[in-house]
Amino acid sequence: MSGTEILAILMLVAFFALLMAGVPVAITLATAGFVFGFLGFGTGLFNLLPARIYGVVANYQWLAIPLFVFMGVMLEKSRLAEDLLDVVGHLAGGLKGGMALGIIGVGVLMGATTGIVGATVITLGLLTLPTLLRRGYDPGVACGAICASGTLGQIIPPSLILILLSDILQLSVGTLFAAAVVPGLLLAALYCGYIVVIGMVRPEWVPAVPKEERDALPRRELWIRFFKVVLPPLALVFSVLGSIIAGVAAPTEAASMGALGSILVTAFARRLSLGVLTETMQATTKITAMVMFILICAQVFSLAFRGLHGEDLISALFEFLPGGVNADIGFLMVLIFVLGFFIEWIEISYIAVPLFLPVFASQNVDLVWLAMLICVNLQTSFLTPPFGWALFFLRGVAPPRITTRHMYLGVIPFISIQILGIVLLFFFPQIALWLPKAIGW
């Protein structure tokens, strides 16, 4: 093993050590890259860095990030999500587990409109958890349903994961959006199936909404609110995603129309104000700046790791695995799943995926299918203890009677469902590939 390869290994060790010490991911990426790149090559290696950074910040597709974030934050800050949840919850409340099914349905809608896990989990936690507990729901089932449905925004387009993976894998954003629709809905259906089974096996865990409470809101008024509250955001989602998937608009163009549409929907609901607009702009700026700073710092790490021949080490590692390309994909899935216990999806995306990409590209693996496997797997990083961010978000708004144990036990069945989703996607690639092929992407 050469000296540069030893430095590459030490670079990875240092990266994870800094990450576990609590250093922000962007600073960790840049520090490890600069230090070990300098030890290996001096300052010469970093003459290439300005061109790489310029290539990132000048990339046209990144305009979609602030625009999609604006669309989601606008709908969240205007509190339209609360009305959405109330209406859907009443429509589904007459069934055993109906409120939990309603939460999953709202998770799908909010995932397609906001795409922000923190906003979705916090909104669902604040609005539904006290109500679910008051109606006799098992605390674990309630917490698990809220956390799992809140993470659906990480795969249901438009999703930041899909936009970032399109850059890493050099694929069309529209293709990934189309490929993610069916897997995302499949996960939601599996969640619903679990709730239905719980309703049959343990009905006392997921009781129906009392009839007198459902009758308190007249059916006619409920449907009026449905058309006012549910249909406009739904129409916005279909118009934005439909224009991308149908090839009518580029993702950045559709994102700009989505941002404008979110303003119009909020104005239609009489929720638009200077305060809402200011809060939305501030949140959008923070989220976009965070993502772009990580992207720029990742270039330092990537440049140093490739200069130190780290990719050769990764290729050699895969050569030791028996079983061919399926074993290689299985190893990557296990690695991403384990990393998800400790670090965030964006860190995994810019560390693990680029390292292994050349191996799969050389074996002619369908990268769209691989992207969907990675995306569903990354979604589990929001649920897996001890550092699952959905758990942190819910912990911050949960009532005192909800313990960490309730939350950890509650998400275990949903983590198992996610693994089932990965297995189904692995053995049936057409789940992801059917729609892109059907529309000619």
Protein backbone atom coordinates (compact mmCIF):
# COMPACT_ATOMS: atom_id res chain seq x y z
CA MET A 1 0.00 0.00 0.00
CA SER A 2 1.43 3.35 -1.05
CA GLY A 3 1.85 6.40 1.17
CA THR A 4 -0.94 8.29 -0.59
CA GLU A 5 -3.39 5.42 -0.03
CA ILE A 6 -2.50 5.37 3.67
CA LEU A 7 -3.23 9.09 3.78
CA ALA A 8 -6.60 8.42 2.08
CA ILE A 9 -7.53 5.93 4.82
CA LEU A 10 -6.40 8.32 7.55
CA MET A 11 -8.43 11.05 5.85
CA LEU A 12 -11.62 8.98 6.15
CA VAL A 13 -10.82 8.14 9.79
CA ALA A 14 -10.21 11.82 10.58
CA PHE A 15 -13.44 12.79 8.84
CA PHE A 16 -15.57 10.44 10.93
CA ALA A 17 -13.69 11.35 14.12
CA LEU A 18 -14.42 15.06 13.60
CA LEU A 19 -18.03 14.26 12.74
CA MET A 20 -18.50 12.21 15.91
CA ALA A 21 -16.91 15.05 17.89
CA GLY A 22 -19.75 17.31 16.79
CA VAL A 23 -17.92 19.44 14.22
CA PRO A 24 -20.36 20.68 11.52
CA VAL A 25 -20.25 18.54 8.39
CA ALA A 26 -19.14 21.33 6.04
CA ILE A 27 -16.18 22.26 8.29
CA THR A 28 -15.34 18.57 8.68
CA LEU A 29 -15.26 18.02 4.91
CA ALA A 30 -13.09 21.06 4.25
CA THR A 31 -10.69 20.43 7.16
CA ALA A 32 -10.05 16.77 6.30
CA GLY A 33 -9.63 17.65 2.62
CA PHE A 34 -7.24 20.55 3.13
CA VAL A 35 -5.07 18.84 5.77
CA PHE A 36 -4.57 15.50 4.05
CA GLY A 37 -4.45 17.01 0.57
CA PHE A 38 -1.65 19.29 1.76
CA LEU A 39 0.19 16.38 3.42
CA GLY A 40 0.01 14.41 0.20
CA PHE A 41 0.70 17.05 -2.46
CA GLY A 42 1.41 20.39 -0.84
CA THR A 43 -0.46 23.35 -2.31
CA GLY A 44 -0.29 22.14 -5.92
CA LEU A 45 -3.38 19.94 -5.72
CA PHE A 46 -5.61 22.84 -4.75
CA ASN A 47 -4.85 24.83 -7.89
CA LEU A 48 -7.74 22.82 -9.34
CA LEU A 49 -10.12 23.87 -6.56
CA PRO A 50 -11.34 27.26 -7.92
CA ALA A 51 -12.50 25.65 -11.17
CA ARG A 52 -14.37 22.92 -9.27
CA ILE A 53 -16.09 25.40 -6.97
CA TYR A 54 -17.04 27.59 -9.90
CA GLY A 55 -18.51 24.54 -11.61
CA VAL A 56 -20.75 24.00 -8.58
CA VAL A 57 -21.98 27.55 -8.03
CA ALA A 58 -22.50 28.15 -11.76
CA ASN A 59 -24.57 24.98 -12.20
CA TYR A 60 -27.98 26.03 -13.52
CA GLN A 61 -29.89 23.19 -11.87
CA TRP A 62 -29.07 24.43 -8.35
CA LEU A 63 -31.56 27.26 -8.90
CA ALA A 64 -34.25 24.66 -8.25
CA ILE A 65 -33.16 24.28 -4.61
CA PRO A 66 -34.12 27.74 -3.25
CA LEU A 67 -37.26 27.79 -5.39
CA PHE A 68 -38.55 24.41 -4.20
CA VAL A 69 -37.56 25.27 -0.62
CA PHE A 70 -39.46 28.57 -0.94
CA MET A 71 -42.55 26.71 -2.16
CA GLY A 72 -42.48 24.35 0.79
CA VAL A 73 -41.66 26.91 3.46
CA MET A 74 -44.39 29.26 2.19
CA LEU A 75 -47.05 26.56 2.60
CA GLU A 76 -45.67 25.66 6.02
CA LYS A 77 -45.34 29.23 7.37
CA SER A 78 -48.83 30.16 6.15
CA ARG A 79 -50.17 27.29 8.31
CA LEU A 80 -52.08 25.78 5.41
CA ALA A 81 -50.63 22.43 6.48
CA GLU A 82 -52.61 22.63 9.72
CA ASP A 83 -55.94 23.01 7.91
CA LEU A 84 -54.93 20.23 5.54
CA LEU A 85 -54.31 17.89 8.44
CA ASP A 86 -57.59 18.75 10.16
CA VAL A 87 -59.67 18.07 7.04
CA VAL A 88 -57.96 14.81 6.07
CA GLY A 89 -58.05 13.61 9.68
CA HIS A 90 -61.83 14.09 9.89
CA LEU A 91 -62.37 12.36 6.55
CA ALA A 92 -60.43 9.26 7.69
CA GLY A 93 -61.30 9.38 11.39
CA GLY A 94 -64.18 6.89 11.31
CA LEU A 95 -61.90 3.91 10.72
CA LYS A 96 -59.81 1.97 13.22
CA GLY A 97 -56.49 3.73 12.88
CA GLY A 98 -58.20 6.33 10.69
CA MET A 99 -56.35 9.26 12.23
CA ALA A 100 -53.01 7.51 11.67
CA LEU A 101 -54.00 6.80 8.05
CA GLY A 102 -54.92 10.47 7.71
CA ILE A 103 -51.50 11.45 9.06
CA ILE A 104 -49.78 9.29 6.45
CA GLY A 105 -51.95 10.84 3.73
CA VAL A 106 -51.04 14.31 4.92
CA GLY A 107 -47.39 13.22 5.05
CA VAL A 108 -47.60 12.36 1.35
CA LEU A 109 -49.21 15.71 0.51
CA MET A 110 -46.83 17.72 2.67
CA GLY A 111 -43.87 15.77 1.33
CA ALA A 112 -44.89 16.71 -2.20
CA THR A 113 -45.42 20.36 -1.26
CA THR A 114 -42.82 21.14 1.39
CA GLY A 115 -40.22 18.39 1.00
CA ILE A 116 -38.80 19.51 4.38
CA VAL A 117 -38.72 16.73 6.96
CA GLY A 118 -38.28 19.01 9.97
CA ALA A 119 -41.27 21.18 9.06
CA THR A 120 -43.49 18.15 8.39
CA VAL A 121 -42.59 16.22 11.56
CA ILE A 122 -42.88 19.30 13.80
CA THR A 123 -46.23 20.27 12.26
CA LEU A 124 -47.62 16.75 12.56
CA GLY A 125 -46.23 16.38 16.08
CA LEU A 126 -47.68 19.64 17.36
CA LEU A 127 -51.09 19.16 15.78
CA THR A 128 -51.76 15.45 16.06
CA LEU A 129 -49.74 13.84 18.86
CA PRO A 130 -51.71 15.36 21.78
CA THR A 131 -54.97 14.53 19.97
CA LEU A 132 -53.90 10.95 19.26
CA LEU A 133 -52.91 10.41 22.87
CA ARG A 134 -56.19 11.92 24.09
CA ARG A 135 -58.11 9.52 21.85
CA GLY A 136 -56.30 6.51 23.29
CA TYR A 137 -53.68 5.79 20.64
CA ASP A 138 -50.67 3.75 21.69
CA PRO A 139 -47.79 6.27 22.16
CA GLY A 140 -45.36 4.14 20.12
CA VAL A 141 -47.72 3.76 17.16
CA ALA A 142 -48.53 7.48 17.25
CA CYS A 143 -44.86 8.51 17.32
CA GLY A 144 -43.89 6.01 14.65
CA ALA A 145 -46.66 7.10 12.28
CA ILE A 146 -45.74 10.78 12.68
CA CYS A 147 -41.99 10.24 12.19
CA ALA A 148 -42.38 7.86 9.24
CA SER A 149 -44.96 9.93 7.37
CA GLY A 150 -42.86 13.05 7.98
CA THR A 151 -39.90 11.49 6.18
CA LEU A 152 -41.85 10.74 2.99
CA GLY A 153 -40.82 14.17 1.73
CA GLN A 154 -37.30 12.80 1.29
CA ILE A 155 -38.36 10.55 -1.59
CA ILE A 156 -41.62 11.98 -2.93
CA PRO A 157 -40.60 14.68 -5.44
CA PRO A 158 -39.67 17.47 -5.38
CA SER A 159 -37.01 16.35 -2.92
CA LEU A 160 -33.57 17.77 -2.13
CA ILE A 161 -32.16 14.24 -2.08
CA LEU A 162 -33.25 13.72 -5.69
CA ILE A 163 -31.79 17.05 -6.81
CA LEU A 164 -28.44 16.34 -5.13
CA LEU A 165 -28.31 12.74 -6.40
CA SER A 166 -28.97 13.97 -9.93
CA ASP A 167 -25.76 15.99 -9.68
CA ILE A 168 -23.70 13.23 -8.04
CA LEU A 169 -24.85 10.56 -10.51
CA GLN A 170 -25.02 12.95 -13.49
CA LEU A 171 -28.67 12.10 -14.21
CA SER A 172 -31.63 14.21 -15.25
CA VAL A 173 -33.62 15.65 -12.35
CA GLY A 174 -36.84 14.94 -14.26
CA THR A 175 -35.90 11.29 -14.66
CA LEU A 176 -35.27 10.89 -10.93
CA PHE A 177 -38.49 12.71 -10.09
CA ALA A 178 -40.42 10.32 -12.33
CA ALA A 179 -38.60 7.28 -10.93
CA ALA A 180 -39.32 8.29 -7.31
CA VAL A 181 -43.10 8.64 -7.62
CA VAL A 182 -44.01 4.94 -7.45
CA PRO A 183 -41.46 3.97 -4.72
CA GLY A 184 -42.66 6.89 -2.60
CA LEU A 185 -46.31 5.91 -2.95
CA LEU A 186 -45.35 2.25 -2.34
CA LEU A 187 -43.79 3.18 1.01
CA ALA A 188 -46.89 5.18 1.95
CA ALA A 189 -49.08 2.18 1.01
CA LEU A 190 -46.92 -0.15 3.13
CA TYR A 191 -47.24 2.24 6.08
CA CYS A 192 -51.03 2.27 5.62
CA GLY A 193 -51.07 -1.53 5.41
CA TYR A 194 -49.27 -1.74 8.74
CA ILE A 195 -51.77 0.62 10.38
CA VAL A 196 -54.69 -1.40 8.98
CA VAL A 197 -53.17 -4.62 10.38
CA ILE A 198 -52.69 -2.95 13.77
CA GLY A 199 -56.35 -1.87 13.63
CA MET A 200 -57.39 -5.52 13.15
CA VAL A 201 -54.96 -7.14 15.58
CA ARG A 202 -54.76 -4.45 18.27
CA PRO A 203 -57.81 -2.19 17.79
CA GLU A 204 -57.34 -0.70 21.24
CA TRP A 205 -54.03 0.81 20.06
CA VAL A 206 -55.66 2.80 17.23
CA PRO A 207 -59.30 3.61 18.17
CA ALA A 208 -61.62 5.39 15.75
CA VAL A 209 -62.63 9.02 16.23
CA PRO A 210 -65.87 9.12 18.29
CA LYS A 211 -68.98 9.64 16.15
CA GLU A 212 -70.10 12.71 18.10
CA GLU A 213 -66.78 14.42 17.36
CA ARG A 214 -67.07 13.64 13.66
CA ASP A 215 -70.67 14.88 13.59
CA ALA A 216 -69.62 18.16 15.23
CA LEU A 217 -68.27 19.28 11.84
CA PRO A 218 -71.10 19.08 9.25
CA ARG A 219 -70.28 17.00 6.18
CA ARG A 220 -71.09 19.86 3.83
CA GLU A 221 -68.71 22.22 5.63
CA LEU A 222 -66.05 19.51 5.66
CA TRP A 223 -66.20 19.13 1.88
CA ILE A 224 -66.18 22.90 1.39
CA ARG A 225 -62.98 23.05 3.44
CA PHE A 226 -61.64 20.11 1.42
CA PHE A 227 -62.02 22.04 -1.82
CA LYS A 228 -60.53 25.16 -0.26
CA VAL A 229 -57.66 23.63 1.68
CA VAL A 230 -56.70 20.32 0.07
CA LEU A 231 -57.28 20.84 -3.65
CA PRO A 232 -55.19 24.03 -4.21
CA PRO A 233 -51.93 22.57 -2.79
CA LEU A 234 -52.68 19.30 -4.57
CA ALA A 235 -53.20 21.11 -7.88
CA LEU A 236 -49.93 22.98 -7.30
CA VAL A 237 -48.04 19.71 -6.78
CA PHE A 238 -49.50 18.05 -9.86
CA SER A 239 -48.84 21.09 -12.05
CA VAL A 240 -45.22 21.43 -10.90
CA LEU A 241 -44.29 17.73 -10.99
CA GLY A 242 -46.45 17.03 -14.03
CA SER A 243 -44.72 19.74 -16.05
CA ILE A 244 -41.29 18.28 -15.16
CA ILE A 245 -42.19 14.64 -15.73
CA ALA A 246 -44.05 15.43 -18.98
CA GLY A 247 -41.05 17.38 -20.26
CA VAL A 248 -43.01 20.62 -20.59
CA ALA A 249 -40.68 22.53 -18.25
CA ALA A 250 -37.18 22.11 -16.88
CA PRO A 251 -36.94 21.54 -13.11
CA THR A 252 -35.74 25.11 -12.52
CA GLU A 253 -38.60 26.53 -14.60
CA ALA A 254 -41.18 24.36 -12.83
CA ALA A 255 -39.66 25.29 -9.47
CA SER A 256 -40.06 28.99 -10.22
CA MET A 257 -43.71 28.42 -11.12
CA GLY A 258 -44.09 26.38 -7.94
CA ALA A 259 -42.71 29.25 -5.85
CA LEU A 260 -45.11 31.67 -7.56
CA GLY A 261 -47.94 29.17 -7.20
CA SER A 262 -47.33 28.83 -3.45
CA ILE A 263 -47.74 32.60 -3.10
CA LEU A 264 -51.00 32.47 -5.06
CA VAL A 265 -52.33 29.51 -3.06
CA THR A 266 -51.48 31.28 0.20
CA ALA A 267 -53.12 34.48 -1.05
CA PHE A 268 -56.22 32.51 -2.13
CA ALA A 269 -56.48 31.15 1.43
CA ARG A 270 -56.10 34.72 2.75
CA ARG A 271 -52.93 33.78 4.63
CA LEU A 272 -50.45 35.94 2.73
CA SER A 273 -48.88 38.76 4.74
CA LEU A 274 -45.60 40.63 4.93
CA GLY A 275 -44.69 38.63 8.05
CA VAL A 276 -45.27 35.28 6.33
CA LEU A 277 -43.28 36.40 3.29
CA THR A 278 -40.40 37.64 5.46
CA GLU A 279 -40.23 34.42 7.48
CA THR A 280 -40.35 32.38 4.28
CA MET A 281 -37.49 34.34 2.71
CA GLN A 282 -35.34 34.06 5.82
CA ALA A 283 -35.88 30.29 6.16
CA THR A 284 -35.27 29.75 2.44
CA THR A 285 -32.00 31.70 2.59
CA LYS A 286 -30.74 29.72 5.59
CA ILE A 287 -31.57 26.32 4.12
CA THR A 288 -30.12 27.18 0.69
CA ALA A 289 -26.94 28.63 2.20
CA MET A 290 -26.44 25.50 4.30
CA VAL A 291 -26.83 23.18 1.32
CA MET A 292 -24.56 25.22 -0.96
CA PHE A 293 -21.85 25.58 1.70
CA ILE A 294 -21.78 21.80 2.15
CA LEU A 295 -21.62 21.36 -1.63
CA ILE A 296 -18.62 23.69 -1.87
CA CYS A 297 -16.77 22.08 1.05
CA ALA A 298 -17.46 18.64 -0.40
CA GLN A 299 -15.39 19.65 -3.45
CA VAL A 300 -12.32 20.06 -1.21
CA PHE A 301 -12.81 16.59 0.26
CA SER A 302 -13.52 14.98 -3.09
CA LEU A 303 -10.51 16.57 -4.78
CA ALA A 304 -8.13 15.48 -2.02
CA PHE A 305 -9.54 11.94 -1.80
CA ARG A 306 -9.25 11.38 -5.54
CA GLY A 307 -5.76 12.88 -5.57
CA LEU A 308 -4.75 10.40 -2.86
CA HIS A 309 -6.05 7.50 -5.02
CA GLY A 310 -8.89 6.76 -2.64
CA GLU A 311 -11.03 5.53 -5.53
CA ASP A 312 -8.50 2.78 -6.21
CA LEU A 313 -8.87 1.63 -2.61
CA ILE A 314 -12.65 1.47 -2.97
CA SER A 315 -12.37 -0.55 -6.20
CA ALA A 316 -9.97 -2.97 -4.51
CA LEU A 317 -12.39 -3.34 -1.59
CA PHE A 318 -15.21 -4.40 -3.92
CA GLU A 319 -12.98 -6.94 -5.63
CA PHE A 320 -12.81 -8.87 -2.34
CA LEU A 321 -16.59 -9.25 -2.19
CA PRO A 322 -17.95 -12.54 -3.58
CA GLY A 323 -21.20 -12.60 -5.52
CA GLY A 324 -20.64 -10.04 -8.26
CA VAL A 325 -22.55 -6.82 -8.76
CA ASN A 326 -25.52 -7.82 -6.57
CA ALA A 327 -23.18 -8.33 -3.63
CA ASP A 328 -21.60 -4.94 -4.34
CA ILE A 329 -25.01 -3.23 -4.27
CA GLY A 330 -25.93 -5.13 -1.11
CA PHE A 331 -22.72 -3.97 0.55
CA LEU A 332 -23.46 -0.35 -0.37
CA MET A 333 -27.01 -0.64 0.98
CA VAL A 334 -25.80 -2.08 4.30
CA LEU A 335 -23.12 0.59 4.57
CA ILE A 336 -25.59 3.44 3.92
CA PHE A 337 -28.05 1.92 6.40
CA VAL A 338 -25.38 1.67 9.13
CA LEU A 339 -24.08 5.18 8.43
CA GLY A 340 -27.66 6.42 8.75
CA PHE A 341 -27.54 5.58 12.48
CA PHE A 342 -24.84 8.19 13.00
CA ILE A 343 -24.73 10.84 10.24
CA GLU A 344 -27.16 12.75 8.05
CA TRP A 345 -28.31 11.93 4.52
CA ILE A 346 -26.48 14.86 2.92
CA GLU A 347 -23.18 13.70 4.44
CA ILE A 348 -23.79 10.13 3.25
CA SER A 349 -24.71 11.41 -0.21
CA TYR A 350 -21.47 13.32 -0.66
CA ILE A 351 -19.18 10.77 0.97
CA ALA A 352 -20.36 7.21 0.31
CA VAL A 353 -22.09 7.62 -3.05
CA PRO A 354 -19.28 9.38 -5.01
CA LEU A 355 -16.74 6.91 -3.60
CA PHE A 356 -18.61 3.88 -4.93
CA LEU A 357 -20.04 5.40 -8.12
CA PRO A 358 -17.12 4.47 -10.44
CA VAL A 359 -17.43 0.84 -9.41
CA PHE A 360 -21.10 0.62 -10.40
CA ALA A 361 -20.67 2.73 -13.53
CA SER A 362 -17.97 0.31 -14.75
CA GLN A 363 -20.37 -2.62 -14.21
CA ASN A 364 -23.17 -0.98 -16.23
CA VAL A 365 -25.57 -0.81 -13.27
CA ASP A 366 -28.72 1.19 -14.08
CA LEU A 367 -27.96 4.38 -12.17
CA VAL A 368 -31.61 5.47 -12.03
CA TRP A 369 -32.50 2.24 -10.23
CA LEU A 370 -29.42 2.59 -8.00
CA ALA A 371 -30.44 6.18 -7.17
CA MET A 372 -33.86 4.99 -6.00
CA LEU A 373 -32.32 2.27 -3.82
CA ILE A 374 -30.02 4.88 -2.29
CA CYS A 375 -32.87 7.36 -1.83
CA VAL A 376 -35.16 4.91 -0.01
CA ASN A 377 -32.20 3.81 2.11
CA LEU A 378 -31.23 7.38 2.96
CA GLN A 379 -34.78 7.97 4.15
CA THR A 380 -34.17 5.47 6.96
CA SER A 381 -31.40 7.73 8.32
CA PHE A 382 -34.15 10.05 9.57
CA LEU A 383 -35.71 7.23 11.61
CA THR A 384 -32.79 5.17 12.93
CA PRO A 385 -31.68 5.88 16.51
CA PRO A 386 -29.65 7.39 18.05
CA PHE A 387 -29.27 10.30 15.57
CA GLY A 388 -32.46 10.04 13.51
CA TRP A 389 -33.44 13.64 12.87
CA ALA A 390 -37.17 12.87 12.73
CA LEU A 391 -36.83 11.59 16.31
CA PHE A 392 -35.05 14.77 17.37
CA PHE A 393 -37.70 16.96 15.74
CA LEU A 394 -40.55 15.06 17.40
CA ARG A 395 -38.75 14.98 20.76
CA GLY A 396 -38.68 18.78 20.71
CA VAL A 397 -42.47 19.12 20.46
CA ALA A 398 -43.73 15.94 22.15
CA PRO A 399 -45.71 16.14 25.42
CA PRO A 400 -43.80 15.23 28.61
CA ARG A 401 -45.51 11.83 28.89
CA ILE A 402 -43.84 10.72 25.64
CA THR A 403 -40.47 9.13 26.42
CA THR A 404 -37.53 8.45 24.14
CA ARG A 405 -38.30 4.74 24.56
CA HIS A 406 -41.80 5.28 23.13
CA MET A 407 -40.30 6.94 20.06
CA TYR A 408 -37.53 4.37 19.49
CA LEU A 409 -39.91 1.40 19.82
CA GLY A 410 -42.50 3.15 17.69
CA VAL A 411 -40.22 3.66 14.68
CA ILE A 412 -38.83 0.09 14.63
CA PRO A 413 -41.79 -1.35 12.62
CA PHE A 414 -41.53 1.53 10.15
CA ILE A 415 -37.78 1.00 9.76
CA SER A 416 -38.58 -2.66 9.00
CA ILE A 417 -41.12 -1.49 6.40
CA GLN A 418 -38.45 0.71 4.82
CA ILE A 419 -36.12 -2.28 4.60
CA LEU A 420 -38.96 -4.25 2.98
CA GLY A 421 -39.35 -1.40 0.49
CA ILE A 422 -35.64 -1.58 -0.36
CA VAL A 423 -35.88 -5.37 -0.84
CA LEU A 424 -38.92 -5.05 -3.13
CA LEU A 425 -37.19 -2.34 -5.14
CA PHE A 426 -34.04 -4.46 -5.41
CA PHE A 427 -35.85 -7.54 -6.76
CA PHE A 428 -38.38 -5.60 -8.84
CA PRO A 429 -36.49 -2.69 -10.48
CA GLN A 430 -39.51 -1.82 -12.63
CA ILE A 431 -41.12 -0.27 -9.55
CA ALA A 432 -38.77 2.65 -10.16
CA LEU A 433 -38.06 2.28 -13.88
CA TRP A 434 -41.58 1.82 -15.23
CA LEU A 435 -42.74 5.45 -15.10
CA PRO A 436 -39.59 7.05 -16.62
CA LYS A 437 -39.72 4.56 -19.51
CA ALA A 438 -43.47 4.99 -19.97
CA ILE A 439 -43.09 8.75 -20.49
CA GLY A 440 -39.96 8.44 -22.58
CA TRP A 441 -37.29 9.78 -20.23
